[in-house]
Amino acid sequence: MYVVTVTFRAVPERAEDFLTALRDNARASVKREPGCLRFDVCTSPEDPAHVFLYEIYIDRAAFDAHLTTPHFLEFNDLVADWTAEKVVQTFELAAEGVA
């Protein structure tokens, strides 16, 4: 499986709007994309403008397809001016349920 993490820092005065748009994108991704298995949105308790995403896709091709969906493209355009920082990392899942 293909794992994507994204750390965002939203523009503080648009953090609430950013989070709303991000939640909509996450829901649409899980609901409409068979290759998207998980899409978690996390926020820092100390800083609501600091956001972390954890996404799991069946493979790299499913993630690449995600980047072309209308809901992602709409989200990406909408939040462009609301994003102060964005760092994307990708991984391959090595084990599940390991404690």
PDB file of N, CA and C in Angstrom:
ATOM      1  N   MET A   1       0.831  -1.176   0.000  1.00  0.00           N
ATOM      2  CA  MET A   1       0.000   0.000   0.000  1.00  0.00           C
ATOM      3  C   MET A   1       0.881   1.246   0.000  1.00  0.00           C
ATOM      4  N   TYR A   2       0.306   2.313  -0.496  1.00  0.00           N
ATOM      5  CA  TYR A   2       1.023   3.573  -0.665  1.00  0.00           C
ATOM      6  C   TYR A   2       0.497   4.577   0.359  1.00  0.00           C
ATOM      7  N   VAL A   3       1.390   5.124   1.156  1.00  0.00           N
ATOM      8  CA  VAL A   3       1.023   6.044   2.234  1.00  0.00           C
ATOM      9  C   VAL A   3       1.547   7.437   1.914  1.00  0.00           C
ATOM     10  N   VAL A   4       0.677   8.416   2.108  1.00  0.00           N
ATOM     11  CA  VAL A   4       1.044   9.808   1.875  1.00  0.00           C
ATOM     12  C   VAL A   4       0.785  10.575   3.166  1.00  0.00           C
ATOM     13  N   THR A   5       1.772  11.344   3.585  1.00  0.00           N
ATOM     14  CA  THR A   5       1.572  12.265   4.708  1.00  0.00           C
ATOM     15  C   THR A   5       1.799  13.674   4.189  1.00  0.00           C
ATOM     16  N   VAL A   6       0.990  14.575   4.691  1.00  0.00           N
ATOM     17  CA  VAL A   6       1.128  15.979   4.304  1.00  0.00           C
ATOM     18  C   VAL A   6       1.030  16.808   5.582  1.00  0.00           C
ATOM     19  N   THR A   7       1.981  17.693   5.758  1.00  0.00           N
ATOM     20  CA  THR A   7       1.931  18.652   6.851  1.00  0.00           C
ATOM     21  C   THR A   7       1.668  20.020   6.232  1.00  0.00           C
ATOM     22  N   PHE A   8       0.600  20.645   6.705  1.00  0.00           N
ATOM     23  CA  PHE A   8       0.223  21.973   6.241  1.00  0.00           C
ATOM     24  C   PHE A   8       0.340  22.963   7.390  1.00  0.00           C
ATOM     25  N   ARG A   9       0.637  24.183   7.039  1.00  0.00           N
ATOM     26  CA  ARG A   9       0.439  25.299   7.947  1.00  0.00           C
ATOM     27  C   ARG A   9      -0.437  26.270   7.165  1.00  0.00           C
ATOM     28  N   ALA A  10      -1.667  26.409   7.641  1.00  0.00           N
ATOM     29  CA  ALA A  10      -2.609  27.313   6.986  1.00  0.00           C
ATOM     30  C   ALA A  10      -2.339  28.749   7.429  1.00  0.00           C
ATOM     31  N   VAL A  11      -2.724  29.685   6.599  1.00  0.00           N
ATOM     32  CA  VAL A  11      -2.699  31.089   6.986  1.00  0.00           C
ATOM     33  C   VAL A  11      -3.657  31.209   8.175  1.00  0.00           C
ATOM     34  N   PRO A  12      -3.199  31.709   9.333  1.00  0.00           N
ATOM     35  CA  PRO A  12      -4.007  31.672  10.560  1.00  0.00           C
ATOM     36  C   PRO A  12      -5.429  32.199  10.419  1.00  0.00           C
ATOM     37  N   GLU A  13      -5.600  33.311   9.726  1.00  0.00           N
ATOM     38  CA  GLU A  13      -6.945  33.879   9.609  1.00  0.00           C
ATOM     39  C   GLU A  13      -7.861  33.069   8.686  1.00  0.00           C
ATOM     40  N   ARG A  14      -7.311  32.104   7.960  1.00  0.00           N
ATOM     41  CA  ARG A  14      -8.123  31.244   7.084  1.00  0.00           C
ATOM     42  C   ARG A  14      -8.093  29.784   7.549  1.00  0.00           C
ATOM     43  N   ALA A  15      -7.578  29.528   8.724  1.00  0.00           N
ATOM     44  CA  ALA A  15      -7.424  28.148   9.209  1.00  0.00           C
ATOM     45  C   ALA A  15      -8.756  27.394   9.255  1.00  0.00           C
ATOM     46  N   GLU A  16      -9.803  28.033   9.702  1.00  0.00           N
ATOM     47  CA  GLU A  16     -11.108  27.359   9.794  1.00  0.00           C
ATOM     48  C   GLU A  16     -11.637  27.008   8.403  1.00  0.00           C
ATOM     49  N   ASP A  17     -11.538  27.939   7.465  1.00  0.00           N
ATOM     50  CA  ASP A  17     -11.965  27.675   6.086  1.00  0.00           C
ATOM     51  C   ASP A  17     -11.119  26.577   5.459  1.00  0.00           C
ATOM     52  N   PHE A  18      -9.820  26.634   5.712  1.00  0.00           N
ATOM     53  CA  PHE A  18      -8.903  25.618   5.193  1.00  0.00           C
ATOM     54  C   PHE A  18      -9.315  24.236   5.685  1.00  0.00           C
ATOM     55  N   LEU A  19      -9.563  24.119   6.965  1.00  0.00           N
ATOM     56  CA  LEU A  19      -9.931  22.839   7.559  1.00  0.00           C
ATOM     57  C   LEU A  19     -11.265  22.323   7.012  1.00  0.00           C
ATOM     58  N   THR A  20     -12.225  23.194   6.826  1.00  0.00           N
ATOM     59  CA  THR A  20     -13.504  22.796   6.253  1.00  0.00           C
ATOM     60  C   THR A  20     -13.308  22.234   4.845  1.00  0.00           C
ATOM     61  N   ALA A  21     -12.542  22.909   4.023  1.00  0.00           N
ATOM     62  CA  ALA A  21     -12.274  22.450   2.659  1.00  0.00           C
ATOM     63  C   ALA A  21     -11.514  21.126   2.669  1.00  0.00           C
ATOM     64  N   LEU A  22     -10.582  20.996   3.576  1.00  0.00           N
ATOM     65  CA  LEU A  22      -9.797  19.774   3.672  1.00  0.00           C
ATOM     66  C   LEU A  22     -10.655  18.588   4.099  1.00  0.00           C
ATOM     67  N   ARG A  23     -11.527  18.790   5.062  1.00  0.00           N
ATOM     68  CA  ARG A  23     -12.436  17.715   5.486  1.00  0.00           C
ATOM     69  C   ARG A  23     -13.345  17.282   4.335  1.00  0.00           C
ATOM     70  N   ASP A  24     -13.842  18.240   3.558  1.00  0.00           N
ATOM     71  CA  ASP A  24     -14.679  17.908   2.400  1.00  0.00           C
ATOM     72  C   ASP A  24     -13.899  17.074   1.392  1.00  0.00           C
ATOM     73  N   ASN A  25     -12.654  17.455   1.140  1.00  0.00           N
ATOM     74  CA  ASN A  25     -11.811  16.705   0.214  1.00  0.00           C
ATOM     75  C   ASN A  25     -11.540  15.292   0.739  1.00  0.00           C
ATOM     76  N   ALA A  26     -11.272  15.168   2.010  1.00  0.00           N
ATOM     77  CA  ALA A  26     -11.008  13.847   2.599  1.00  0.00           C
ATOM     78  C   ALA A  26     -12.233  12.944   2.460  1.00  0.00           C
ATOM     79  N   ARG A  27     -13.418  13.472   2.795  1.00  0.00           N
ATOM     80  CA  ARG A  27     -14.645  12.673   2.680  1.00  0.00           C
ATOM     81  C   ARG A  27     -14.889  12.233   1.237  1.00  0.00           C
ATOM     82  N   ALA A  28     -14.728  13.154   0.310  1.00  0.00           N
ATOM     83  CA  ALA A  28     -14.937  12.829  -1.104  1.00  0.00           C
ATOM     84  C   ALA A  28     -13.934  11.790  -1.578  1.00  0.00           C
ATOM     85  N   SER A  29     -12.708  11.887  -1.118  1.00  0.00           N
ATOM     86  CA  SER A  29     -11.669  10.935  -1.529  1.00  0.00           C
ATOM     87  C   SER A  29     -12.028   9.518  -1.105  1.00  0.00           C
ATOM     88  N   VAL A  30     -12.423   9.354   0.152  1.00  0.00           N
ATOM     89  CA  VAL A  30     -12.760   8.019   0.663  1.00  0.00           C
ATOM     90  C   VAL A  30     -14.043   7.489   0.017  1.00  0.00           C
ATOM     91  N   LYS A  31     -14.997   8.379  -0.185  1.00  0.00           N
ATOM     92  CA  LYS A  31     -16.296   7.967  -0.727  1.00  0.00           C
ATOM     93  C   LYS A  31     -16.243   7.660  -2.228  1.00  0.00           C
ATOM     94  N   ARG A  32     -15.509   8.451  -2.994  1.00  0.00           N
ATOM     95  CA  ARG A  32     -15.555   8.363  -4.457  1.00  0.00           C
ATOM     96  C   ARG A  32     -14.398   7.624  -5.104  1.00  0.00           C
ATOM     97  N   GLU A  33     -13.337   7.411  -4.345  1.00  0.00           N
ATOM     98  CA  GLU A  33     -12.143   6.792  -4.933  1.00  0.00           C
ATOM     99  C   GLU A  33     -11.945   5.395  -4.353  1.00  0.00           C
ATOM    100  N   PRO A  34     -12.182   4.357  -5.140  1.00  0.00           N
ATOM    101  CA  PRO A  34     -12.005   2.998  -4.606  1.00  0.00           C
ATOM    102  C   PRO A  34     -10.572   2.705  -4.167  1.00  0.00           C
ATOM    103  N   GLY A  35      -9.603   3.424  -4.711  1.00  0.00           N
ATOM    104  CA  GLY A  35      -8.210   3.202  -4.336  1.00  0.00           C
ATOM    105  C   GLY A  35      -7.770   3.931  -3.090  1.00  0.00           C
ATOM    106  N   CYS A  36      -8.636   4.800  -2.535  1.00  0.00           N
ATOM    107  CA  CYS A  36      -8.312   5.534  -1.308  1.00  0.00           C
ATOM    108  C   CYS A  36      -8.920   4.786  -0.128  1.00  0.00           C
ATOM    109  N   LEU A  37      -8.075   4.184   0.677  1.00  0.00           N
ATOM    110  CA  LEU A  37      -8.528   3.355   1.794  1.00  0.00           C
ATOM    111  C   LEU A  37      -8.685   4.134   3.094  1.00  0.00           C
ATOM    112  N   ARG A  38      -7.915   5.205   3.242  1.00  0.00           N
ATOM    113  CA  ARG A  38      -7.961   5.972   4.493  1.00  0.00           C
ATOM    114  C   ARG A  38      -7.485   7.394   4.210  1.00  0.00           C
ATOM    115  N   PHE A  39      -8.118   8.350   4.884  1.00  0.00           N
ATOM    116  CA  PHE A  39      -7.727   9.753   4.716  1.00  0.00           C
ATOM    117  C   PHE A  39      -8.053  10.448   6.024  1.00  0.00           C
ATOM    118  N   ASP A  40      -7.080  10.546   6.904  1.00  0.00           N
ATOM    119  CA  ASP A  40      -7.262  11.147   8.226  1.00  0.00           C
ATOM    120  C   ASP A  40      -6.739  12.581   8.232  1.00  0.00           C
ATOM    121  N   VAL A  41      -7.511  13.468   8.852  1.00  0.00           N
ATOM    122  CA  VAL A  41      -7.143  14.871   9.003  1.00  0.00           C
ATOM    123  C   VAL A  41      -6.918  15.121  10.489  1.00  0.00           C
ATOM    124  N   CYS A  42      -5.730  15.575  10.839  1.00  0.00           N
ATOM    125  CA  CYS A  42      -5.372  15.815  12.235  1.00  0.00           C
ATOM    126  C   CYS A  42      -4.959  17.278  12.407  1.00  0.00           C
ATOM    127  N   THR A  43      -5.312  17.844  13.558  1.00  0.00           N
ATOM    128  CA  THR A  43      -4.904  19.214  13.859  1.00  0.00           C
ATOM    129  C   THR A  43      -4.146  19.257  15.182  1.00  0.00           C
ATOM    130  N   SER A  44      -3.289  20.233  15.278  1.00  0.00           N
ATOM    131  CA  SER A  44      -2.548  20.435  16.526  1.00  0.00           C
ATOM    132  C   SER A  44      -3.465  21.071  17.561  1.00  0.00           C
ATOM    133  N   PRO A  45      -3.506  20.525  18.798  1.00  0.00           N
ATOM    134  CA  PRO A  45      -4.328  21.149  19.833  1.00  0.00           C
ATOM    135  C   PRO A  45      -3.851  22.555  20.207  1.00  0.00           C
ATOM    136  N   GLU A  46      -2.576  22.827  20.008  1.00  0.00           N
ATOM    137  CA  GLU A  46      -2.021  24.136  20.349  1.00  0.00           C
ATOM    138  C   GLU A  46      -2.119  25.140  19.208  1.00  0.00           C
ATOM    139  N   ASP A  47      -2.252  24.646  17.969  1.00  0.00           N
ATOM    140  CA  ASP A  47      -2.214  25.538  16.809  1.00  0.00           C
ATOM    141  C   ASP A  47      -3.144  25.009  15.725  1.00  0.00           C
ATOM    142  N   PRO A  48      -4.376  25.518  15.635  1.00  0.00           N
ATOM    143  CA  PRO A  48      -5.340  25.008  14.662  1.00  0.00           C
ATOM    144  C   PRO A  48      -4.917  25.226  13.207  1.00  0.00           C
ATOM    145  N   ALA A  49      -3.912  26.045  12.966  1.00  0.00           N
ATOM    146  CA  ALA A  49      -3.411  26.254  11.608  1.00  0.00           C
ATOM    147  C   ALA A  49      -2.401  25.185  11.197  1.00  0.00           C
ATOM    148  N   HIS A  50      -1.993  24.344  12.140  1.00  0.00           N
ATOM    149  CA  HIS A  50      -1.041  23.260  11.871  1.00  0.00           C
ATOM    150  C   HIS A  50      -1.825  21.967  11.666  1.00  0.00           C
ATOM    151  N   VAL A  51      -1.786  21.439  10.440  1.00  0.00           N
ATOM    152  CA  VAL A  51      -2.621  20.301  10.045  1.00  0.00           C
ATOM    153  C   VAL A  51      -1.737  19.187   9.504  1.00  0.00           C
ATOM    154  N   PHE A  52      -2.092  17.953   9.843  1.00  0.00           N
ATOM    155  CA  PHE A  52      -1.365  16.767   9.382  1.00  0.00           C
ATOM    156  C   PHE A  52      -2.350  15.795   8.745  1.00  0.00           C
ATOM    157  N   LEU A  53      -2.020  15.313   7.555  1.00  0.00           N
ATOM    158  CA  LEU A  53      -2.846  14.316   6.859  1.00  0.00           C
ATOM    159  C   LEU A  53      -2.121  12.990   6.802  1.00  0.00           C
ATOM    160  N   TYR A  54      -2.905  11.920   6.885  1.00  0.00           N
ATOM    161  CA  TYR A  54      -2.402  10.571   6.724  1.00  0.00           C
ATOM    162  C   TYR A  54      -3.353   9.872   5.766  1.00  0.00           C
ATOM    163  N   GLU A  55      -2.829   9.517   4.584  1.00  0.00           N
ATOM    164  CA  GLU A  55      -3.660   8.916   3.547  1.00  0.00           C
ATOM    165  C   GLU A  55      -3.073   7.565   3.150  1.00  0.00           C
ATOM    166  N   ILE A  56      -3.945   6.589   2.906  1.00  0.00           N
ATOM    167  CA  ILE A  56      -3.494   5.282   2.436  1.00  0.00           C
ATOM    168  C   ILE A  56      -4.239   4.952   1.142  1.00  0.00           C
ATOM    169  N   TYR A  57      -3.473   4.594   0.130  1.00  0.00           N
ATOM    170  CA  TYR A  57      -3.998   4.198  -1.175  1.00  0.00           C
ATOM    171  C   TYR A  57      -3.552   2.775  -1.472  1.00  0.00           C
ATOM    172  N   ILE A  58      -4.284   2.097  -2.354  1.00  0.00           N
ATOM    173  CA  ILE A  58      -3.919   0.707  -2.652  1.00  0.00           C
ATOM    174  C   ILE A  58      -2.567   0.625  -3.352  1.00  0.00           C
ATOM    175  N   ASP A  59      -2.213   1.675  -4.100  1.00  0.00           N
ATOM    176  CA  ASP A  59      -0.910   1.720  -4.762  1.00  0.00           C
ATOM    177  C   ASP A  59      -0.636   3.140  -5.245  1.00  0.00           C
ATOM    178  N   ARG A  60       0.525   3.336  -5.821  1.00  0.00           N
ATOM    179  CA  ARG A  60       0.924   4.663  -6.310  1.00  0.00           C
ATOM    180  C   ARG A  60      -0.039   5.154  -7.387  1.00  0.00           C
ATOM    181  N   ALA A  61      -0.500   4.251  -8.246  1.00  0.00           N
ATOM    182  CA  ALA A  61      -1.421   4.642  -9.320  1.00  0.00           C
ATOM    183  C   ALA A  61      -2.717   5.220  -8.755  1.00  0.00           C
ATOM    184  N   ALA A  62      -3.203   4.671  -7.650  1.00  0.00           N
ATOM    185  CA  ALA A  62      -4.432   5.189  -7.022  1.00  0.00           C
ATOM    186  C   ALA A  62      -4.199   6.606  -6.495  1.00  0.00           C
ATOM    187  N   PHE A  63      -3.032   6.854  -5.934  1.00  0.00           N
ATOM    188  CA  PHE A  63      -2.716   8.212  -5.473  1.00  0.00           C
ATOM    189  C   PHE A  63      -2.596   9.170  -6.653  1.00  0.00           C
ATOM    190  N   ASP A  64      -1.922   8.731  -7.709  1.00  0.00           N
ATOM    191  CA  ASP A  64      -1.804   9.571  -8.897  1.00  0.00           C
ATOM    192  C   ASP A  64      -3.186   9.904  -9.455  1.00  0.00           C
ATOM    193  N   ALA A  65      -4.105   8.936  -9.432  1.00  0.00           N
ATOM    194  CA  ALA A  65      -5.474   9.175  -9.887  1.00  0.00           C
ATOM    195  C   ALA A  65      -6.164  10.196  -8.978  1.00  0.00           C
ATOM    196  N   HIS A  66      -5.919  10.103  -7.678  1.00  0.00           N
ATOM    197  CA  HIS A  66      -6.487  11.062  -6.715  1.00  0.00           C
ATOM    198  C   HIS A  66      -6.140  12.498  -7.100  1.00  0.00           C
ATOM    199  N   LEU A  67      -4.911  12.706  -7.545  1.00  0.00           N
ATOM    200  CA  LEU A  67      -4.443  14.049  -7.886  1.00  0.00           C
ATOM    201  C   LEU A  67      -5.135  14.640  -9.108  1.00  0.00           C
ATOM    202  N   THR A  68      -5.892  13.818  -9.840  1.00  0.00           N
ATOM    203  CA  THR A  68      -6.595  14.297 -11.035  1.00  0.00           C
ATOM    204  C   THR A  68      -8.109  14.410 -10.829  1.00  0.00           C
ATOM    205  N   THR A  69      -8.598  14.065  -9.636  1.00  0.00           N
ATOM    206  CA  THR A  69     -10.044  14.088  -9.400  1.00  0.00           C
ATOM    207  C   THR A  69     -10.555  15.518  -9.289  1.00  0.00           C
ATOM    208  N   PRO A  70     -11.802  15.745  -9.688  1.00  0.00           N
ATOM    209  CA  PRO A  70     -12.367  17.092  -9.575  1.00  0.00           C
ATOM    210  C   PRO A  70     -12.366  17.619  -8.138  1.00  0.00           C
ATOM    211  N   HIS A  71     -12.674  16.761  -7.150  1.00  0.00           N
ATOM    212  CA  HIS A  71     -12.712  17.263  -5.768  1.00  0.00           C
ATOM    213  C   HIS A  71     -11.334  17.675  -5.277  1.00  0.00           C
ATOM    214  N   PHE A  72     -10.281  16.930  -5.669  1.00  0.00           N
ATOM    215  CA  PHE A  72      -8.936  17.338  -5.263  1.00  0.00           C
ATOM    216  C   PHE A  72      -8.527  18.631  -5.963  1.00  0.00           C
ATOM    217  N   LEU A  73      -8.751  18.708  -7.268  1.00  0.00           N
ATOM    218  CA  LEU A  73      -8.360  19.900  -8.019  1.00  0.00           C
ATOM    219  C   LEU A  73      -9.077  21.144  -7.498  1.00  0.00           C
ATOM    220  N   GLU A  74     -10.357  21.001  -7.166  1.00  0.00           N
ATOM    221  CA  GLU A  74     -11.117  22.115  -6.596  1.00  0.00           C
ATOM    222  C   GLU A  74     -10.538  22.529  -5.243  1.00  0.00           C
ATOM    223  N   PHE A  75     -10.270  21.535  -4.383  1.00  0.00           N
ATOM    224  CA  PHE A  75      -9.666  21.812  -3.080  1.00  0.00           C
ATOM    225  C   PHE A  75      -8.324  22.521  -3.242  1.00  0.00           C
ATOM    226  N   ASN A  76      -7.477  21.982  -4.096  1.00  0.00           N
ATOM    227  CA  ASN A  76      -6.135  22.511  -4.281  1.00  0.00           C
ATOM    228  C   ASN A  76      -6.161  23.975  -4.737  1.00  0.00           C
ATOM    229  N   ASP A  77      -7.059  24.290  -5.669  1.00  0.00           N
ATOM    230  CA  ASP A  77      -7.197  25.680  -6.122  1.00  0.00           C
ATOM    231  C   ASP A  77      -7.739  26.575  -5.015  1.00  0.00           C
ATOM    232  N   LEU A  78      -8.755  26.068  -4.310  1.00  0.00           N
ATOM    233  CA  LEU A  78      -9.410  26.854  -3.267  1.00  0.00           C
ATOM    234  C   LEU A  78      -8.444  27.264  -2.162  1.00  0.00           C
ATOM    235  N   VAL A  79      -7.589  26.336  -1.726  1.00  0.00           N
ATOM    236  CA  VAL A  79      -6.731  26.611  -0.558  1.00  0.00           C
ATOM    237  C   VAL A  79      -5.360  27.176  -0.915  1.00  0.00           C
ATOM    238  N   ALA A  80      -5.089  27.393  -2.182  1.00  0.00           N
ATOM    239  CA  ALA A  80      -3.755  27.863  -2.581  1.00  0.00           C
ATOM    240  C   ALA A  80      -3.328  29.120  -1.814  1.00  0.00           C
ATOM    241  N   ASP A  81      -4.216  30.086  -1.705  1.00  0.00           N
ATOM    242  CA  ASP A  81      -3.871  31.327  -0.997  1.00  0.00           C
ATOM    243  C   ASP A  81      -3.999  31.206   0.514  1.00  0.00           C
ATOM    244  N   TRP A  82      -4.574  30.103   0.983  1.00  0.00           N
ATOM    245  CA  TRP A  82      -4.745  29.884   2.425  1.00  0.00           C
ATOM    246  C   TRP A  82      -3.617  29.040   3.003  1.00  0.00           C
ATOM    247  N   THR A  83      -2.677  28.609   2.167  1.00  0.00           N
ATOM    248  CA  THR A  83      -1.611  27.695   2.576  1.00  0.00           C
ATOM    249  C   THR A  83      -0.302  28.454   2.739  1.00  0.00           C
ATOM    250  N   ALA A  84       0.228  28.452   3.954  1.00  0.00           N
ATOM    251  CA  ALA A  84       1.513  29.093   4.221  1.00  0.00           C
ATOM    252  C   ALA A  84       2.672  28.125   3.990  1.00  0.00           C
ATOM    253  N   GLU A  85       2.407  26.820   4.223  1.00  0.00           N
ATOM    254  CA  GLU A  85       3.459  25.809   4.093  1.00  0.00           C
ATOM    255  C   GLU A  85       2.820  24.464   3.803  1.00  0.00           C
ATOM    256  N   LYS A  86       3.498  23.662   2.974  1.00  0.00           N
ATOM    257  CA  LYS A  86       3.000  22.319   2.639  1.00  0.00           C
ATOM    258  C   LYS A  86       4.201  21.405   2.402  1.00  0.00           C
ATOM    259  N   VAL A  87       4.243  20.289   3.149  1.00  0.00           N
ATOM    260  CA  VAL A  87       5.313  19.310   2.992  1.00  0.00           C
ATOM    261  C   VAL A  87       4.664  17.947   2.774  1.00  0.00           C
ATOM    262  N   VAL A  88       4.960  17.328   1.633  1.00  0.00           N
ATOM    263  CA  VAL A  88       4.401  16.020   1.272  1.00  0.00           C
ATOM    264  C   VAL A  88       5.497  14.973   1.369  1.00  0.00           C
ATOM    265  N   GLN A  89       5.171  13.847   2.008  1.00  0.00           N
ATOM    266  CA  GLN A  89       6.087  12.707   2.065  1.00  0.00           C
ATOM    267  C   GLN A  89       5.311  11.455   1.661  1.00  0.00           C
ATOM    268  N   THR A  90       5.995  10.505   1.046  1.00  0.00           N
ATOM    269  CA  THR A  90       5.355   9.258   0.652  1.00  0.00           C
ATOM    270  C   THR A  90       6.141   8.068   1.191  1.00  0.00           C
ATOM    271  N   PHE A  91       5.379   7.004   1.455  1.00  0.00           N
ATOM    272  CA  PHE A  91       5.950   5.795   2.051  1.00  0.00           C
ATOM    273  C   PHE A  91       5.245   4.581   1.469  1.00  0.00           C
ATOM    274  N   GLU A  92       5.835   3.421   1.658  1.00  0.00           N
ATOM    275  CA  GLU A  92       5.161   2.157   1.399  1.00  0.00           C
ATOM    276  C   GLU A  92       4.891   1.512   2.746  1.00  0.00           C
ATOM    277  N   LEU A  93       3.681   0.989   2.927  1.00  0.00           N
ATOM    278  CA  LEU A  93       3.310   0.379   4.204  1.00  0.00           C
ATOM    279  C   LEU A  93       4.113  -0.915   4.372  1.00  0.00           C
ATOM    280  N   ALA A  94       4.857  -0.997   5.474  1.00  0.00           N
ATOM    281  CA  ALA A  94       5.724  -2.144   5.719  1.00  0.00           C
ATOM    282  C   ALA A  94       5.055  -3.178   6.632  1.00  0.00           C
ATOM    283  N   ALA A  95       4.124  -2.750   7.484  1.00  0.00           N
ATOM    284  CA  ALA A  95       3.431  -3.653   8.390  1.00  0.00           C
ATOM    285  C   ALA A  95       2.168  -2.978   8.889  1.00  0.00           C
ATOM    286  N   GLU A  96       1.144  -3.762   9.149  1.00  0.00           N
ATOM    287  CA  GLU A  96      -0.112  -3.239   9.696  1.00  0.00           C
ATOM    288  C   GLU A  96      -0.302  -3.747  11.118  1.00  0.00           C
ATOM    289  N   GLY A  97      -0.873  -2.896  11.949  1.00  0.00           N
ATOM    290  CA  GLY A  97      -1.264  -3.322  13.289  1.00  0.00           C
ATOM    291  C   GLY A  97      -0.134  -3.724  14.205  1.00  0.00           C
ATOM    292  N   VAL A  98       1.049  -3.189  13.969  1.00  0.00           N
ATOM    293  CA  VAL A  98       2.178  -3.517  14.828  1.00  0.00           C
ATOM    294  C   VAL A  98       2.188  -2.538  16.000  1.00  0.00           C
ATOM    295  N   ALA A  99       2.170  -3.054  17.206  1.00  0.00           N
ATOM    296  CA  ALA A  99       2.164  -2.192  18.389  1.00  0.00           C
ATOM    297  C   ALA A  99       3.527  -2.166  19.031  1.00  0.00           C
TER     298      ALA A  99
END
